[in-house]
Amino acid sequence: MAISNVLLVHGAWHGAWCWAPLQQALDQLGIPSHAIDLPGHGISPLPLGDLHGDAAAVVEALGALPSDTLLIGHSYGGAVISQAAAHSDRIAHLMFIAAFALEAGESVNGFLRSAPRHKVELANIMVPTDEGTTTLDPEHAGALLYPGSSTVVQRANAKRLGPQPNATMTQEVDGAPISAIESTYVLCNQDRAVHPEHQRIMAARCSSVIEIDSDHSPFVDEPATIASIIQEVVNA
């Protein structure tokens, strides 16, 4: 199926703002893209929700786009697009960037418990709150998540990060779209947030795998690289 547009779904603690460098690079290639704020994130006026609520927001956004969309999820956003794709027929291709490509009955935490144990530095900067959410230590989040960007960019992005509901990590997806929809996994082999070996397990579930020498947020640190990968999928 031909692809005419791209919908970008951010990961935990983030918002649509994180895709700005990539969208600028896609504009230069003539590829239209849209980025969504999941409920309660970025400038969304809605309350924070759970995985299924996040996925429902993506399904709603897909409804406003042509039925030949490349749906891209980063990190936790992979779980969101896994769930959304089980409830939408408007997706031509799925792309997971260092993301949780889940199967039916899996949650983010469920996958991590079942997979071989690998520690990541992200765990050291997660701060639990009394509201059933986690935040990230702003003093260290920028350098960990965007190590290829300037200190100025790291600090600015860290200040934009918000709370993430714990429920999003424990709720299971109820479909297995990667068995029915073409998919690409972009594996970041220097990742310190989603371990590369965990990514490798989930990447094996996808139709194709592209491994890059990058940390967790290549669309911020190396937007041209990710734009080129998207261009290849769009033109395939």
C-alpha atoms as a PDB file:
ATOM      1  CA  MET A   1       0.000   0.000   0.000  1.00  0.00           C
ATOM      2  CA  ALA A   2       1.317   3.481  -0.896  1.00  0.00           C
ATOM      3  CA  ILE A   3       2.050   5.838   1.976  1.00  0.00           C
ATOM      4  CA  SER A   4       1.068   9.500   1.765  1.00  0.00           C
ATOM      5  CA  ASN A   5       1.608  10.732   5.316  1.00  0.00           C
ATOM      6  CA  VAL A   6       3.208   9.995   8.675  1.00  0.00           C
ATOM      7  CA  LEU A   7       1.767  10.079  12.207  1.00  0.00           C
ATOM      8  CA  LEU A   8       4.292  10.330  15.044  1.00  0.00           C
ATOM      9  CA  VAL A   9       3.568   9.040  18.567  1.00  0.00           C
ATOM     10  CA  HIS A  10       5.890  10.079  21.379  1.00  0.00           C
ATOM     11  CA  GLY A  11       7.082   7.959  24.272  1.00  0.00           C
ATOM     12  CA  ALA A  12       6.770   8.269  28.049  1.00  0.00           C
ATOM     13  CA  TRP A  13       7.222  11.699  29.710  1.00  0.00           C
ATOM     14  CA  HIS A  14       7.360  13.393  26.289  1.00  0.00           C
ATOM     15  CA  GLY A  15       4.982  15.257  23.997  1.00  0.00           C
ATOM     16  CA  ALA A  16       4.592  16.032  20.316  1.00  0.00           C
ATOM     17  CA  TRP A  17       7.319  18.673  20.766  1.00  0.00           C
ATOM     18  CA  CYS A  18      10.055  16.014  20.688  1.00  0.00           C
ATOM     19  CA  TRP A  19       9.417  15.315  16.989  1.00  0.00           C
ATOM     20  CA  ALA A  20      10.107  18.885  15.801  1.00  0.00           C
ATOM     21  CA  PRO A  21      13.661  18.227  14.485  1.00  0.00           C
ATOM     22  CA  LEU A  22      12.473  15.152  12.581  1.00  0.00           C
ATOM     23  CA  GLN A  23       9.447  16.937  11.143  1.00  0.00           C
ATOM     24  CA  GLN A  24      11.709  19.687   9.848  1.00  0.00           C
ATOM     25  CA  ALA A  25      13.909  17.054   8.179  1.00  0.00           C
ATOM     26  CA  LEU A  26      10.832  15.346   6.690  1.00  0.00           C
ATOM     27  CA  ASP A  27       9.614  18.692   5.347  1.00  0.00           C
ATOM     28  CA  GLN A  28      12.878  18.992   3.442  1.00  0.00           C
ATOM     29  CA  LEU A  29      12.112  15.638   1.809  1.00  0.00           C
ATOM     30  CA  GLY A  30       8.550  16.612   0.966  1.00  0.00           C
ATOM     31  CA  ILE A  31       7.053  14.050   3.370  1.00  0.00           C
ATOM     32  CA  PRO A  32       4.043  15.382   5.325  1.00  0.00           C
ATOM     33  CA  SER A  33       3.937  14.438   8.975  1.00  0.00           C
ATOM     34  CA  HIS A  34       1.734  14.965  12.006  1.00  0.00           C
ATOM     35  CA  ALA A  35       2.656  14.584  15.685  1.00  0.00           C
ATOM     36  CA  ILE A  36       0.122  13.938  18.429  1.00  0.00           C
ATOM     37  CA  ASP A  37       0.166  14.899  22.093  1.00  0.00           C
ATOM     38  CA  LEU A  38      -1.094  11.885  24.023  1.00  0.00           C
ATOM     39  CA  PRO A  39      -3.694  12.818  26.683  1.00  0.00           C
ATOM     40  CA  GLY A  40      -2.176  14.927  29.452  1.00  0.00           C
ATOM     41  CA  HIS A  41       1.171  15.356  27.691  1.00  0.00           C
ATOM     42  CA  GLY A  42       2.665  18.344  25.943  1.00  0.00           C
ATOM     43  CA  ILE A  43      -0.088  20.944  25.607  1.00  0.00           C
ATOM     44  CA  SER A  44      -2.963  18.454  25.767  1.00  0.00           C
ATOM     45  CA  PRO A  45      -5.698  19.810  28.091  1.00  0.00           C
ATOM     46  CA  LEU A  46      -6.914  16.290  28.832  1.00  0.00           C
ATOM     47  CA  PRO A  47      -6.077  14.375  32.016  1.00  0.00           C
ATOM     48  CA  LEU A  48      -3.374  11.735  31.992  1.00  0.00           C
ATOM     49  CA  GLY A  49      -4.777   8.323  31.123  1.00  0.00           C
ATOM     50  CA  ASP A  50      -3.723   4.747  30.501  1.00  0.00           C
ATOM     51  CA  LEU A  51      -2.439   2.760  27.545  1.00  0.00           C
ATOM     52  CA  HIS A  52      -5.881   2.133  26.061  1.00  0.00           C
ATOM     53  CA  GLY A  53      -6.818   5.809  26.377  1.00  0.00           C
ATOM     54  CA  ASP A  54      -3.579   6.811  24.676  1.00  0.00           C
ATOM     55  CA  ALA A  55      -4.251   4.327  21.875  1.00  0.00           C
ATOM     56  CA  ALA A  56      -7.807   5.604  21.462  1.00  0.00           C
ATOM     57  CA  ALA A  57      -6.414   9.111  20.934  1.00  0.00           C
ATOM     58  CA  VAL A  58      -4.150   7.759  18.189  1.00  0.00           C
ATOM     59  CA  VAL A  59      -7.059   5.906  16.541  1.00  0.00           C
ATOM     60  CA  GLU A  60      -9.036   9.163  16.581  1.00  0.00           C
ATOM     61  CA  ALA A  61      -6.142  11.035  14.971  1.00  0.00           C
ATOM     62  CA  LEU A  62      -5.815   8.325  12.316  1.00  0.00           C
ATOM     63  CA  GLY A  63      -9.467   8.871  11.485  1.00  0.00           C
ATOM     64  CA  ALA A  64      -8.638  12.381  10.295  1.00  0.00           C
ATOM     65  CA  LEU A  65      -5.870  11.138   7.992  1.00  0.00           C
ATOM     66  CA  PRO A  66      -5.882   9.132   4.750  1.00  0.00           C
ATOM     67  CA  SER A  67      -5.973   5.358   5.129  1.00  0.00           C
ATOM     68  CA  ASP A  68      -2.367   4.930   3.998  1.00  0.00           C
ATOM     69  CA  THR A  69      -0.544   6.234   7.039  1.00  0.00           C
ATOM     70  CA  LEU A  70       2.890   5.277   8.305  1.00  0.00           C
ATOM     71  CA  LEU A  71       2.376   5.095  12.078  1.00  0.00           C
ATOM     72  CA  ILE A  72       5.562   5.613  14.084  1.00  0.00           C
ATOM     73  CA  GLY A  73       6.039   5.077  17.808  1.00  0.00           C
ATOM     74  CA  HIS A  74       9.047   5.769  19.997  1.00  0.00           C
ATOM     75  CA  SER A  75       9.811   3.872  23.218  1.00  0.00           C
ATOM     76  CA  TYR A  76       6.519   3.539  25.167  1.00  0.00           C
ATOM     77  CA  GLY A  77       4.861   4.901  22.029  1.00  0.00           C
ATOM     78  CA  GLY A  78       5.498   1.489  20.495  1.00  0.00           C
ATOM     79  CA  ALA A  79       3.042  -0.026  22.956  1.00  0.00           C
ATOM     80  CA  VAL A  80       0.550   2.699  22.039  1.00  0.00           C
ATOM     81  CA  ILE A  81       0.768   2.046  18.300  1.00  0.00           C
ATOM     82  CA  SER A  82       0.642  -1.715  18.920  1.00  0.00           C
ATOM     83  CA  GLN A  83      -2.708  -1.204  20.653  1.00  0.00           C
ATOM     84  CA  ALA A  84      -3.968   1.428  18.202  1.00  0.00           C
ATOM     85  CA  ALA A  85      -3.152  -0.678  15.161  1.00  0.00           C
ATOM     86  CA  ALA A  86      -5.329  -3.473  16.517  1.00  0.00           C
ATOM     87  CA  HIS A  87      -8.270  -1.065  16.333  1.00  0.00           C
ATOM     88  CA  SER A  88      -7.695   0.828  13.078  1.00  0.00           C
ATOM     89  CA  ASP A  89      -7.680  -0.100   9.397  1.00  0.00           C
ATOM     90  CA  ARG A  90      -6.014   3.135   8.293  1.00  0.00           C
ATOM     91  CA  ILE A  91      -2.393   2.059   8.716  1.00  0.00           C
ATOM     92  CA  ALA A  92      -0.151   1.065   5.825  1.00  0.00           C
ATOM     93  CA  HIS A  93       3.002   0.447   7.848  1.00  0.00           C
ATOM     94  CA  LEU A  94       4.199   0.489  11.460  1.00  0.00           C
ATOM     95  CA  MET A  95       7.601   1.770  12.554  1.00  0.00           C
ATOM     96  CA  PHE A  96       9.078   1.238  16.013  1.00  0.00           C
ATOM     97  CA  ILE A  97      11.999   3.445  17.052  1.00  0.00           C
ATOM     98  CA  ALA A  98      13.707   1.905  20.113  1.00  0.00           C
ATOM     99  CA  ALA A  99      10.140   0.988  20.998  1.00  0.00           C
ATOM    100  CA  PHE A 100       7.975  -1.658  22.610  1.00  0.00           C
ATOM    101  CA  ALA A 101       6.586  -3.763  19.760  1.00  0.00           C
ATOM    102  CA  LEU A 102       4.171  -5.784  21.856  1.00  0.00           C
ATOM    103  CA  GLU A 103       2.155  -8.912  21.160  1.00  0.00           C
ATOM    104  CA  ALA A 104      -1.397  -9.575  22.334  1.00  0.00           C
ATOM    105  CA  GLY A 105      -1.529  -9.969  26.120  1.00  0.00           C
ATOM    106  CA  GLU A 106       1.769  -8.160  26.755  1.00  0.00           C
ATOM    107  CA  SER A 107       2.372  -4.954  28.659  1.00  0.00           C
ATOM    108  CA  VAL A 108       5.581  -2.950  28.809  1.00  0.00           C
ATOM    109  CA  ASN A 109       6.397  -4.229  32.285  1.00  0.00           C
ATOM    110  CA  GLY A 110       5.198  -7.724  31.399  1.00  0.00           C
ATOM    111  CA  PHE A 111       7.623  -7.884  28.502  1.00  0.00           C
ATOM    112  CA  LEU A 112      10.479  -6.622  30.666  1.00  0.00           C
ATOM    113  CA  ARG A 113       9.740  -9.235  33.346  1.00  0.00           C
ATOM    114  CA  SER A 114       9.671 -12.072  30.824  1.00  0.00           C
ATOM    115  CA  ALA A 115      12.768 -11.006  28.887  1.00  0.00           C
ATOM    116  CA  PRO A 116      16.334 -11.651  30.034  1.00  0.00           C
ATOM    117  CA  ARG A 117      17.331  -9.099  32.682  1.00  0.00           C
ATOM    118  CA  HIS A 118      19.360  -6.151  31.422  1.00  0.00           C
ATOM    119  CA  LYS A 119      19.838  -2.992  33.479  1.00  0.00           C
ATOM    120  CA  VAL A 120      19.497   0.431  31.876  1.00  0.00           C
ATOM    121  CA  GLU A 121      20.577   3.831  33.190  1.00  0.00           C
ATOM    122  CA  LEU A 122      17.052   5.216  32.770  1.00  0.00           C
ATOM    123  CA  ALA A 123      16.005   3.310  35.896  1.00  0.00           C
ATOM    124  CA  ASN A 124      18.410   5.416  37.948  1.00  0.00           C
ATOM    125  CA  ILE A 125      16.689   8.718  37.120  1.00  0.00           C
ATOM    126  CA  MET A 126      13.029   7.668  37.426  1.00  0.00           C
ATOM    127  CA  VAL A 127      11.323   9.335  40.385  1.00  0.00           C
ATOM    128  CA  PRO A 128       7.996   7.932  41.705  1.00  0.00           C
ATOM    129  CA  THR A 129       5.288  10.340  42.846  1.00  0.00           C
ATOM    130  CA  ASP A 130       2.319  10.033  45.189  1.00  0.00           C
ATOM    131  CA  GLU A 131      -0.066  10.476  42.232  1.00  0.00           C
ATOM    132  CA  GLY A 132       0.664   7.090  40.651  1.00  0.00           C
ATOM    133  CA  THR A 133       3.103   8.502  38.138  1.00  0.00           C
ATOM    134  CA  THR A 134       6.832   8.761  37.590  1.00  0.00           C
ATOM    135  CA  THR A 135       8.933  11.734  36.557  1.00  0.00           C
ATOM    136  CA  LEU A 136      12.545  11.953  35.419  1.00  0.00           C
ATOM    137  CA  ASP A 137      15.315  13.738  37.303  1.00  0.00           C
ATOM    138  CA  PRO A 138      15.732  16.920  35.209  1.00  0.00           C
ATOM    139  CA  GLU A 139      19.386  17.227  36.151  1.00  0.00           C
ATOM    140  CA  HIS A 140      20.240  14.020  34.342  1.00  0.00           C
ATOM    141  CA  ALA A 141      17.421  13.338  31.870  1.00  0.00           C
ATOM    142  CA  GLY A 142      18.734  15.566  29.084  1.00  0.00           C
ATOM    143  CA  ALA A 143      22.190  14.034  28.924  1.00  0.00           C
ATOM    144  CA  LEU A 144      20.796  10.510  29.087  1.00  0.00           C
ATOM    145  CA  LEU A 145      18.010  10.879  26.524  1.00  0.00           C
ATOM    146  CA  TYR A 146      19.634  13.264  24.014  1.00  0.00           C
ATOM    147  CA  PRO A 147      23.389  12.725  24.342  1.00  0.00           C
ATOM    148  CA  GLY A 148      24.073  13.707  20.751  1.00  0.00           C
ATOM    149  CA  SER A 149      22.563  17.166  21.170  1.00  0.00           C
ATOM    150  CA  SER A 150      24.007  20.311  22.687  1.00  0.00           C
ATOM    151  CA  THR A 151      23.752  20.997  26.404  1.00  0.00           C
ATOM    152  CA  VAL A 152      21.312  23.807  25.595  1.00  0.00           C
ATOM    153  CA  VAL A 153      18.980  21.432  23.745  1.00  0.00           C
ATOM    154  CA  GLN A 154      19.342  18.787  26.449  1.00  0.00           C
ATOM    155  CA  ARG A 155      18.308  21.246  29.165  1.00  0.00           C
ATOM    156  CA  ALA A 156      15.420  22.685  27.163  1.00  0.00           C
ATOM    157  CA  ASN A 157      13.996  19.260  26.378  1.00  0.00           C
ATOM    158  CA  ALA A 158      14.419  18.064  29.960  1.00  0.00           C
ATOM    159  CA  LYS A 159      12.299  20.994  31.149  1.00  0.00           C
ATOM    160  CA  ARG A 160       9.493  19.910  28.796  1.00  0.00           C
ATOM    161  CA  LEU A 161       9.239  16.414  30.243  1.00  0.00           C
ATOM    162  CA  GLY A 162       6.132  15.632  32.274  1.00  0.00           C
ATOM    163  CA  PRO A 163       4.759  12.861  34.519  1.00  0.00           C
ATOM    164  CA  GLN A 164       3.957   9.406  33.153  1.00  0.00           C
ATOM    165  CA  PRO A 165       1.141   7.281  34.646  1.00  0.00           C
ATOM    166  CA  ASN A 166       2.227   3.916  36.032  1.00  0.00           C
ATOM    167  CA  ALA A 167      -0.884   2.306  34.505  1.00  0.00           C
ATOM    168  CA  THR A 168       0.504   2.826  31.019  1.00  0.00           C
ATOM    169  CA  MET A 169       3.270   0.349  31.784  1.00  0.00           C
ATOM    170  CA  THR A 170       1.088  -2.399  33.233  1.00  0.00           C
ATOM    171  CA  GLN A 171      -1.873  -2.463  30.862  1.00  0.00           C
ATOM    172  CA  GLU A 172      -1.821  -5.161  28.178  1.00  0.00           C
ATOM    173  CA  VAL A 173      -2.424  -4.723  24.465  1.00  0.00           C
ATOM    174  CA  ASP A 174      -5.314  -6.777  23.119  1.00  0.00           C
ATOM    175  CA  GLY A 175      -4.207  -7.356  19.556  1.00  0.00           C
ATOM    176  CA  ALA A 176      -1.171  -8.446  17.548  1.00  0.00           C
ATOM    177  CA  PRO A 177      -1.048  -6.049  14.567  1.00  0.00           C
ATOM    178  CA  ILE A 178       2.586  -6.746  13.713  1.00  0.00           C
ATOM    179  CA  SER A 179       1.463 -10.151  12.477  1.00  0.00           C
ATOM    180  CA  ALA A 180      -0.861  -8.500   9.934  1.00  0.00           C
ATOM    181  CA  ILE A 181       0.726  -5.128   9.088  1.00  0.00           C
ATOM    182  CA  GLU A 182       4.140  -4.541   7.523  1.00  0.00           C
ATOM    183  CA  SER A 183       6.510  -3.151  10.121  1.00  0.00           C
ATOM    184  CA  THR A 184      10.014  -1.758  10.506  1.00  0.00           C
ATOM    185  CA  TYR A 185      12.036  -1.741  13.717  1.00  0.00           C
ATOM    186  CA  VAL A 186      14.766   0.880  14.132  1.00  0.00           C
ATOM    187  CA  LEU A 187      17.136  -0.630  16.689  1.00  0.00           C
ATOM    188  CA  CYS A 188      19.341   1.833  18.564  1.00  0.00           C
ATOM    189  CA  ASN A 189      22.406  -0.104  19.631  1.00  0.00           C
ATOM    190  CA  GLN A 190      23.744   2.500  22.099  1.00  0.00           C
ATOM    191  CA  ASP A 191      20.424   2.908  23.915  1.00  0.00           C
ATOM    192  CA  ARG A 192      20.536   3.440  27.691  1.00  0.00           C
ATOM    193  CA  ALA A 193      16.761   3.603  28.181  1.00  0.00           C
ATOM    194  CA  VAL A 194      15.433   0.536  26.309  1.00  0.00           C
ATOM    195  CA  HIS A 195      18.227  -2.008  26.290  1.00  0.00           C
ATOM    196  CA  PRO A 196      19.439  -2.995  22.795  1.00  0.00           C
ATOM    197  CA  GLU A 197      19.080  -6.694  23.640  1.00  0.00           C
ATOM    198  CA  HIS A 198      15.439  -6.131  24.573  1.00  0.00           C
ATOM    199  CA  GLN A 199      15.011  -4.209  21.343  1.00  0.00           C
ATOM    200  CA  ARG A 200      16.504  -7.137  19.452  1.00  0.00           C
ATOM    201  CA  ILE A 201      13.825  -9.488  20.797  1.00  0.00           C
ATOM    202  CA  MET A 202      11.028  -7.169  19.717  1.00  0.00           C
ATOM    203  CA  ALA A 203      12.683  -6.316  16.418  1.00  0.00           C
ATOM    204  CA  ALA A 204      12.565 -10.002  15.475  1.00  0.00           C
ATOM    205  CA  ARG A 205       8.773  -9.699  15.500  1.00  0.00           C
ATOM    206  CA  CYS A 206       8.808  -7.078  12.741  1.00  0.00           C
ATOM    207  CA  SER A 207       9.013  -7.421   8.961  1.00  0.00           C
ATOM    208  CA  SER A 208      12.366  -5.647   8.746  1.00  0.00           C
ATOM    209  CA  VAL A 209      15.033  -4.313  11.096  1.00  0.00           C
ATOM    210  CA  ILE A 210      17.371  -1.358  10.657  1.00  0.00           C
ATOM    211  CA  GLU A 211      20.124  -1.065  13.256  1.00  0.00           C
ATOM    212  CA  ILE A 212      21.739   2.307  13.830  1.00  0.00           C
ATOM    213  CA  ASP A 213      24.636   3.428  16.012  1.00  0.00           C
ATOM    214  CA  SER A 214      22.546   5.703  18.190  1.00  0.00           C
ATOM    215  CA  ASP A 215      21.212   6.267  21.674  1.00  0.00           C
ATOM    216  CA  HIS A 216      17.550   6.486  22.665  1.00  0.00           C
ATOM    217  CA  SER A 217      16.347   9.558  20.739  1.00  0.00           C
ATOM    218  CA  PRO A 218      17.866   9.592  17.238  1.00  0.00           C
ATOM    219  CA  PHE A 219      15.022  11.758  15.902  1.00  0.00           C
ATOM    220  CA  VAL A 220      16.390  14.526  18.161  1.00  0.00           C
ATOM    221  CA  ASP A 221      20.112  13.814  17.862  1.00  0.00           C
ATOM    222  CA  GLU A 222      20.226  12.653  14.230  1.00  0.00           C
ATOM    223  CA  PRO A 223      16.942  13.646  12.563  1.00  0.00           C
ATOM    224  CA  ALA A 224      18.312  13.336   9.031  1.00  0.00           C
ATOM    225  CA  THR A 225      19.130   9.665   9.660  1.00  0.00           C
ATOM    226  CA  ILE A 226      15.591   8.851  10.771  1.00  0.00           C
ATOM    227  CA  ALA A 227      14.092  10.972   7.988  1.00  0.00           C
ATOM    228  CA  SER A 228      16.092   8.957   5.446  1.00  0.00           C
ATOM    229  CA  ILE A 229      14.823   5.681   6.920  1.00  0.00           C
ATOM    230  CA  ILE A 230      11.251   6.971   6.757  1.00  0.00           C
ATOM    231  CA  GLN A 231      11.793   8.074   3.173  1.00  0.00           C
ATOM    232  CA  GLU A 232      12.865   4.555   2.232  1.00  0.00           C
ATOM    233  CA  VAL A 233       9.671   3.110   3.730  1.00  0.00           C
ATOM    234  CA  VAL A 234       7.463   5.752   2.118  1.00  0.00           C
ATOM    235  CA  ASN A 235       9.037   5.156  -1.309  1.00  0.00           C
ATOM    236  CA  ALA A 236       9.136   1.364  -1.084  1.00  0.00           C
END
